[in-house]
C-alpha atoms as a PDB file:
ATOM      1  CA  MET A   1       0.000   0.000   0.000  1.00  0.00           C
ATOM      2  CA  LEU A   2       1.301   3.435  -0.962  1.00  0.00           C
ATOM      3  CA  ILE A   3       0.356   6.161   1.508  1.00  0.00           C
ATOM      4  CA  GLY A   4       0.905   9.770   0.479  1.00  0.00           C
ATOM      5  CA  VAL A   5       1.569  12.474   3.043  1.00  0.00           C
ATOM      6  CA  THR A   6       1.129  15.989   1.708  1.00  0.00           C
ATOM      7  CA  GLY A   7       0.558  19.525   2.886  1.00  0.00           C
ATOM      8  CA  GLY A   8       2.051  22.964   2.655  1.00  0.00           C
ATOM      9  CA  ILE A   9       5.481  24.082   3.737  1.00  0.00           C
ATOM     10  CA  GLY A  10       5.961  23.985   7.514  1.00  0.00           C
ATOM     11  CA  THR A  11       2.816  21.975   8.235  1.00  0.00           C
ATOM     12  CA  GLY A  12       4.620  19.005   9.782  1.00  0.00           C
ATOM     13  CA  LYS A  13       4.628  16.563   6.852  1.00  0.00           C
ATOM     14  CA  SER A  14       8.018  15.125   7.747  1.00  0.00           C
ATOM     15  CA  THR A  15       7.101  14.497  11.365  1.00  0.00           C
ATOM     16  CA  VAL A  16       3.799  12.890  10.389  1.00  0.00           C
ATOM     17  CA  SER A  17       5.377  10.719   7.683  1.00  0.00           C
ATOM     18  CA  LYS A  18       8.156   9.565  10.045  1.00  0.00           C
ATOM     19  CA  LEU A  19       5.678   8.659  12.785  1.00  0.00           C
ATOM     20  CA  LEU A  20       3.359   6.920  10.340  1.00  0.00           C
ATOM     21  CA  ALA A  21       6.208   4.912   8.808  1.00  0.00           C
ATOM     22  CA  LEU A  22       7.470   3.954  12.255  1.00  0.00           C
ATOM     23  CA  SER A  23       4.040   2.840  13.443  1.00  0.00           C
ATOM     24  CA  LEU A  24       3.423   0.783  10.281  1.00  0.00           C
ATOM     25  CA  GLN A  25       6.992  -0.536  10.087  1.00  0.00           C
ATOM     26  CA  ALA A  26       6.965   0.900   6.579  1.00  0.00           C
ATOM     27  CA  GLU A  27       9.591   2.242   4.242  1.00  0.00           C
ATOM     28  CA  ARG A  28       9.516   6.051   4.165  1.00  0.00           C
ATOM     29  CA  VAL A  29      10.468   8.040   1.088  1.00  0.00           C
ATOM     30  CA  ASP A  30      10.684  11.811   0.725  1.00  0.00           C
ATOM     31  CA  SER A  31      10.091  13.102  -2.810  1.00  0.00           C
ATOM     32  CA  ASP A  32      12.102  16.253  -2.091  1.00  0.00           C
ATOM     33  CA  GLU A  33      15.048  14.077  -1.055  1.00  0.00           C
ATOM     34  CA  LEU A  34      14.710  12.039  -4.254  1.00  0.00           C
ATOM     35  CA  CYS A  35      14.908  15.317  -6.183  1.00  0.00           C
ATOM     36  CA  ARG A  36      17.964  16.417  -4.183  1.00  0.00           C
ATOM     37  CA  LEU A  37      19.707  13.128  -4.982  1.00  0.00           C
ATOM     38  CA  GLN A  38      19.033  13.717  -8.675  1.00  0.00           C
ATOM     39  CA  LEU A  39      20.753  17.089  -8.377  1.00  0.00           C
ATOM     40  CA  LEU A  40      24.062  15.844  -7.004  1.00  0.00           C
ATOM     41  CA  PRO A  41      27.085  16.309  -9.273  1.00  0.00           C
ATOM     42  CA  GLY A  42      27.100  13.607 -11.939  1.00  0.00           C
ATOM     43  CA  ALA A  43      23.521  12.450 -11.264  1.00  0.00           C
ATOM     44  CA  PRO A  44      21.210  12.194 -14.283  1.00  0.00           C
ATOM     45  CA  GLY A  45      19.020  15.044 -13.026  1.00  0.00           C
ATOM     46  CA  MET A  46      21.996  17.360 -12.639  1.00  0.00           C
ATOM     47  CA  GLU A  47      23.275  16.475 -16.087  1.00  0.00           C
ATOM     48  CA  ALA A  48      19.848  17.234 -17.572  1.00  0.00           C
ATOM     49  CA  LEU A  49      19.704  20.520 -15.627  1.00  0.00           C
ATOM     50  CA  ILE A  50      23.108  21.553 -17.006  1.00  0.00           C
ATOM     51  CA  LYS A  51      22.039  20.556 -20.505  1.00  0.00           C
ATOM     52  CA  ALA A  52      18.898  22.702 -20.194  1.00  0.00           C
ATOM     53  CA  PHE A  53      20.361  25.756 -18.410  1.00  0.00           C
ATOM     54  CA  GLY A  54      24.118  25.582 -18.735  1.00  0.00           C
ATOM     55  CA  ARG A  55      25.967  26.383 -15.504  1.00  0.00           C
ATOM     56  CA  ARG A  56      23.341  28.894 -14.355  1.00  0.00           C
ATOM     57  CA  PHE A  57      22.443  26.797 -11.301  1.00  0.00           C
ATOM     58  CA  THR A  58      25.835  25.327 -10.391  1.00  0.00           C
ATOM     59  CA  LEU A  59      28.599  26.545  -8.118  1.00  0.00           C
ATOM     60  CA  ASP A  60      32.256  26.576  -9.135  1.00  0.00           C
ATOM     61  CA  ASP A  61      32.760  23.063  -7.718  1.00  0.00           C
ATOM     62  CA  GLY A  62      29.930  21.687  -9.881  1.00  0.00           C
ATOM     63  CA  SER A  63      27.431  21.313  -7.049  1.00  0.00           C
ATOM     64  CA  LEU A  64      23.952  22.780  -7.116  1.00  0.00           C
ATOM     65  CA  ASN A  65      23.498  26.457  -6.304  1.00  0.00           C
ATOM     66  CA  LYS A  66      20.393  25.835  -4.193  1.00  0.00           C
ATOM     67  CA  GLU A  67      19.673  29.504  -3.565  1.00  0.00           C
ATOM     68  CA  ALA A  68      19.800  30.414  -7.262  1.00  0.00           C
ATOM     69  CA  LEU A  69      17.596  27.474  -8.229  1.00  0.00           C
ATOM     70  CA  ARG A  70      15.086  28.153  -5.433  1.00  0.00           C
ATOM     71  CA  GLU A  71      14.818  31.788  -6.466  1.00  0.00           C
ATOM     72  CA  ALA A  72      14.303  30.861 -10.125  1.00  0.00           C
ATOM     73  CA  LEU A  73      11.711  28.196  -9.329  1.00  0.00           C
ATOM     74  CA  PHE A  74       9.542  30.657  -7.451  1.00  0.00           C
ATOM     75  CA  SER A  75       9.967  33.600  -9.794  1.00  0.00           C
ATOM     76  CA  ASP A  76       9.839  32.026 -13.276  1.00  0.00           C
ATOM     77  CA  ARG A  77       7.060  29.564 -14.144  1.00  0.00           C
ATOM     78  CA  GLU A  78       8.817  28.386 -17.325  1.00  0.00           C
ATOM     79  CA  ILE A  79      11.964  27.416 -15.422  1.00  0.00           C
ATOM     80  CA  LYS A  80       9.799  25.685 -12.820  1.00  0.00           C
ATOM     81  CA  LYS A  81       8.011  23.665 -15.530  1.00  0.00           C
ATOM     82  CA  GLN A  82      11.293  22.693 -17.162  1.00  0.00           C
ATOM     83  CA  VAL A  83      12.925  21.611 -13.886  1.00  0.00           C
ATOM     84  CA  GLU A  84       9.810  19.643 -12.933  1.00  0.00           C
ATOM     85  CA  SER A  85       9.836  17.922 -16.324  1.00  0.00           C
ATOM     86  CA  ILE A  86      13.381  16.758 -15.542  1.00  0.00           C
ATOM     87  CA  LEU A  87      12.854  15.605 -11.946  1.00  0.00           C
ATOM     88  CA  HIS A  88       9.232  14.534 -11.569  1.00  0.00           C
ATOM     89  CA  PRO A  89       9.245  11.553 -13.953  1.00  0.00           C
ATOM     90  CA  VAL A  90      12.179  10.027 -12.047  1.00  0.00           C
ATOM     91  CA  VAL A  91      10.482  10.537  -8.678  1.00  0.00           C
ATOM     92  CA  ARG A  92       7.134   9.217  -9.877  1.00  0.00           C
ATOM     93  CA  GLU A  93       8.746   6.117 -11.357  1.00  0.00           C
ATOM     94  CA  ARG A  94      10.518   5.437  -8.054  1.00  0.00           C
ATOM     95  CA  LEU A  95       7.251   5.777  -6.117  1.00  0.00           C
ATOM     96  CA  ARG A  96       5.498   3.388  -8.504  1.00  0.00           C
ATOM     97  CA  TYR A  97       8.336   0.890  -8.127  1.00  0.00           C
ATOM     98  CA  LEU A  98       8.135   1.066  -4.320  1.00  0.00           C
ATOM     99  CA  LYS A  99       4.345   0.640  -4.458  1.00  0.00           C
ATOM    100  CA  GLY A 100       4.819  -2.513  -6.520  1.00  0.00           C
ATOM    101  CA  CYS A 101       7.369  -3.884  -4.056  1.00  0.00           C
ATOM    102  CA  ALA A 102       5.066  -3.150  -1.124  1.00  0.00           C
ATOM    103  CA  ALA A 103       2.153  -4.849  -2.896  1.00  0.00           C
ATOM    104  CA  GLN A 104       4.220  -7.998  -3.454  1.00  0.00           C
ATOM    105  CA  ASN A 105       5.288  -8.098   0.188  1.00  0.00           C
ATOM    106  CA  GLY A 106       1.992  -7.011   1.733  1.00  0.00           C
ATOM    107  CA  GLY A 107       3.699  -3.972   3.215  1.00  0.00           C
ATOM    108  CA  TYR A 108       3.429  -0.230   3.254  1.00  0.00           C
ATOM    109  CA  VAL A 109       5.341   2.685   1.814  1.00  0.00           C
ATOM    110  CA  VAL A 110       4.853   6.155   3.265  1.00  0.00           C
ATOM    111  CA  ALA A 111       5.724   8.827   0.722  1.00  0.00           C
ATOM    112  CA  GLU A 112       6.078  12.478   1.642  1.00  0.00           C
ATOM    113  CA  VAL A 113       5.061  14.431  -1.472  1.00  0.00           C
ATOM    114  CA  PRO A 114       4.533  18.162  -0.858  1.00  0.00           C
ATOM    115  CA  LEU A 115       3.110  18.803  -4.339  1.00  0.00           C
ATOM    116  CA  LEU A 116       1.083  15.597  -4.636  1.00  0.00           C
ATOM    117  CA  PHE A 117      -2.042  17.392  -5.898  1.00  0.00           C
ATOM    118  CA  GLU A 118      -0.252  20.097  -7.835  1.00  0.00           C
ATOM    119  CA  VAL A 119       1.519  17.551 -10.046  1.00  0.00           C
ATOM    120  CA  GLY A 120      -1.566  15.383 -10.520  1.00  0.00           C
ATOM    121  CA  TRP A 121      -0.358  12.248  -8.732  1.00  0.00           C
ATOM    122  CA  ALA A 122      -3.345  11.753  -6.419  1.00  0.00           C
ATOM    123  CA  GLY A 123      -4.499   8.639  -8.268  1.00  0.00           C
ATOM    124  CA  ASP A 124      -1.134   6.921  -7.672  1.00  0.00           C
ATOM    125  CA  PHE A 125      -1.832   6.553  -3.936  1.00  0.00           C
ATOM    126  CA  ASP A 126      -4.014   4.137  -2.007  1.00  0.00           C
ATOM    127  CA  THR A 127      -4.611   6.696   0.723  1.00  0.00           C
ATOM    128  CA  VAL A 128      -3.522  10.260   1.347  1.00  0.00           C
ATOM    129  CA  VAL A 129      -2.949  12.172   4.557  1.00  0.00           C
ATOM    130  CA  VAL A 130      -3.183  15.949   4.228  1.00  0.00           C
ATOM    131  CA  VAL A 131      -1.268  17.704   6.995  1.00  0.00           C
ATOM    132  CA  LYS A 132      -2.383  21.211   7.878  1.00  0.00           C
ATOM    133  CA  THR A 133      -1.630  23.925  10.386  1.00  0.00           C
ATOM    134  CA  THR A 134      -2.123  27.653  10.700  1.00  0.00           C
ATOM    135  CA  LYS A 135      -0.312  29.920   8.255  1.00  0.00           C
ATOM    136  CA  GLU A 136       1.570  31.707  11.013  1.00  0.00           C
ATOM    137  CA  LEU A 137       2.744  28.478  12.648  1.00  0.00           C
ATOM    138  CA  ALA A 138       3.890  27.158   9.255  1.00  0.00           C
ATOM    139  CA  ILE A 139       5.871  30.362   8.652  1.00  0.00           C
ATOM    140  CA  LYS A 140       7.406  30.210  12.137  1.00  0.00           C
ATOM    141  CA  ARG A 141       8.418  26.549  11.740  1.00  0.00           C
ATOM    142  CA  THR A 142       9.936  27.171   8.319  1.00  0.00           C
ATOM    143  CA  ARG A 143      11.886  30.228   9.492  1.00  0.00           C
ATOM    144  CA  ILE A 144      13.373  28.214  12.349  1.00  0.00           C
ATOM    145  CA  ARG A 145      14.089  25.118  10.229  1.00  0.00           C
ATOM    146  CA  ASP A 146      15.331  26.698   7.001  1.00  0.00           C
ATOM    147  CA  GLY A 147      16.353  30.211   7.990  1.00  0.00           C
ATOM    148  CA  LEU A 148      14.254  31.699   5.195  1.00  0.00           C
ATOM    149  CA  ARG A 149      12.775  35.168   5.304  1.00  0.00           C
ATOM    150  CA  ARG A 150       9.015  35.542   5.687  1.00  0.00           C
ATOM    151  CA  MET A 151       8.729  36.868   2.115  1.00  0.00           C
ATOM    152  CA  GLN A 152      10.450  33.754   0.728  1.00  0.00           C
ATOM    153  CA  ILE A 153       8.181  31.449   2.720  1.00  0.00           C
ATOM    154  CA  VAL A 154       5.041  33.256   1.579  1.00  0.00           C
ATOM    155  CA  ALA A 155       6.250  32.975  -2.058  1.00  0.00           C
ATOM    156  CA  ILE A 156       6.639  29.219  -1.602  1.00  0.00           C
ATOM    157  CA  MET A 157       3.168  29.004  -0.035  1.00  0.00           C
ATOM    158  CA  GLU A 158       1.684  30.863  -2.973  1.00  0.00           C
ATOM    159  CA  ASN A 159       3.146  28.247  -5.355  1.00  0.00           C
ATOM    160  CA  GLN A 160       1.429  25.432  -3.479  1.00  0.00           C
ATOM    161  CA  MET A 161      -2.246  24.536  -3.660  1.00  0.00           C
ATOM    162  CA  ASN A 162      -3.955  25.996  -0.632  1.00  0.00           C
ATOM    163  CA  LEU A 163      -5.685  23.732   1.848  1.00  0.00           C
ATOM    164  CA  LYS A 164      -9.147  24.984   0.866  1.00  0.00           C
ATOM    165  CA  ASN A 165      -8.573  23.752  -2.712  1.00  0.00           C
ATOM    166  CA  LYS A 166      -7.291  20.393  -1.457  1.00  0.00           C
ATOM    167  CA  ILE A 167     -10.397  19.966   0.678  1.00  0.00           C
ATOM    168  CA  GLU A 168     -12.605  20.916  -2.276  1.00  0.00           C
ATOM    169  CA  PHE A 169     -10.811  18.264  -4.352  1.00  0.00           C
ATOM    170  CA  PHE A 170     -11.611  15.646  -1.721  1.00  0.00           C
ATOM    171  CA  MET A 171     -15.226  16.740  -1.486  1.00  0.00           C
ATOM    172  CA  LYS A 172     -15.632  16.615  -5.269  1.00  0.00           C
ATOM    173  CA  TYR A 173     -14.251  13.063  -5.566  1.00  0.00           C
ATOM    174  CA  PRO A 174     -14.974  11.363  -2.216  1.00  0.00           C
ATOM    175  CA  GLY A 175     -13.536   7.878  -2.207  1.00  0.00           C
ATOM    176  CA  GLU A 176     -13.158   7.886  -5.983  1.00  0.00           C
ATOM    177  CA  TYR A 177      -9.361   8.027  -6.044  1.00  0.00           C
ATOM    178  CA  PHE A 178      -8.283   7.294  -2.493  1.00  0.00           C
ATOM    179  CA  ARG A 179      -9.300   7.502   1.119  1.00  0.00           C
ATOM    180  CA  SER A 180      -8.487  10.944   2.472  1.00  0.00           C
ATOM    181  CA  ASN A 181      -7.344  11.905   5.924  1.00  0.00           C
ATOM    182  CA  PHE A 182      -6.680  15.330   7.406  1.00  0.00           C
ATOM    183  CA  LEU A 183      -4.303  15.905  10.283  1.00  0.00           C
ATOM    184  CA  ASP A 184      -4.041  19.300  11.948  1.00  0.00           C
ATOM    185  CA  THR A 185      -0.636  19.872  13.566  1.00  0.00           C
ATOM    186  CA  SER A 186      -1.438  23.257  15.069  1.00  0.00           C
ATOM    187  CA  GLY A 187      -2.464  21.702  18.371  1.00  0.00           C
ATOM    188  CA  SER A 188      -5.623  19.720  17.711  1.00  0.00           C
ATOM    189  CA  THR A 189      -6.007  16.557  15.653  1.00  0.00           C
ATOM    190  CA  HIS A 190      -8.903  15.753  13.344  1.00  0.00           C
ATOM    191  CA  ILE A 191      -8.850  12.722  11.090  1.00  0.00           C
ATOM    192  CA  GLU A 192     -11.684  11.869   8.707  1.00  0.00           C
END
């Protein structure tokens, strides 16, 4: 069974996915980490990035200039689309492979996928947990964790589907694609 954990930046997705994987004795995979691995020097994703953009997003040592890429991703939709077209197929294929392995073994895979709805992967999962919190708590958590400025965090939030739209998606297709669960990490818990 493939369980997706999604939500906005700073909502607590990583904590929820770690606890869920631990409680189910499941493999846990983080789609952002899979992307980061693809952007290491010499990795296929990095080679494709260099082919598409030259050395625009690399440092002198050949490693990824994370700040430059992050800024471009949130300021230029065309760059974002191109980078996603490089990385997302690799990540999706890995998730499908892990789902197949889990199905053969009767096990679980917990996959943290921040943009699960935005990239149209909802149908790939057997169940989805949407993690939510208040906007201010998400900003506070992200500032502490990543050291980003409020303006940067808000820009990231604006590039993600808001929780209201995710809930509307669930209400429009109840049980059609997957069983949905909501988990509020702002202090109270509500699971449907």
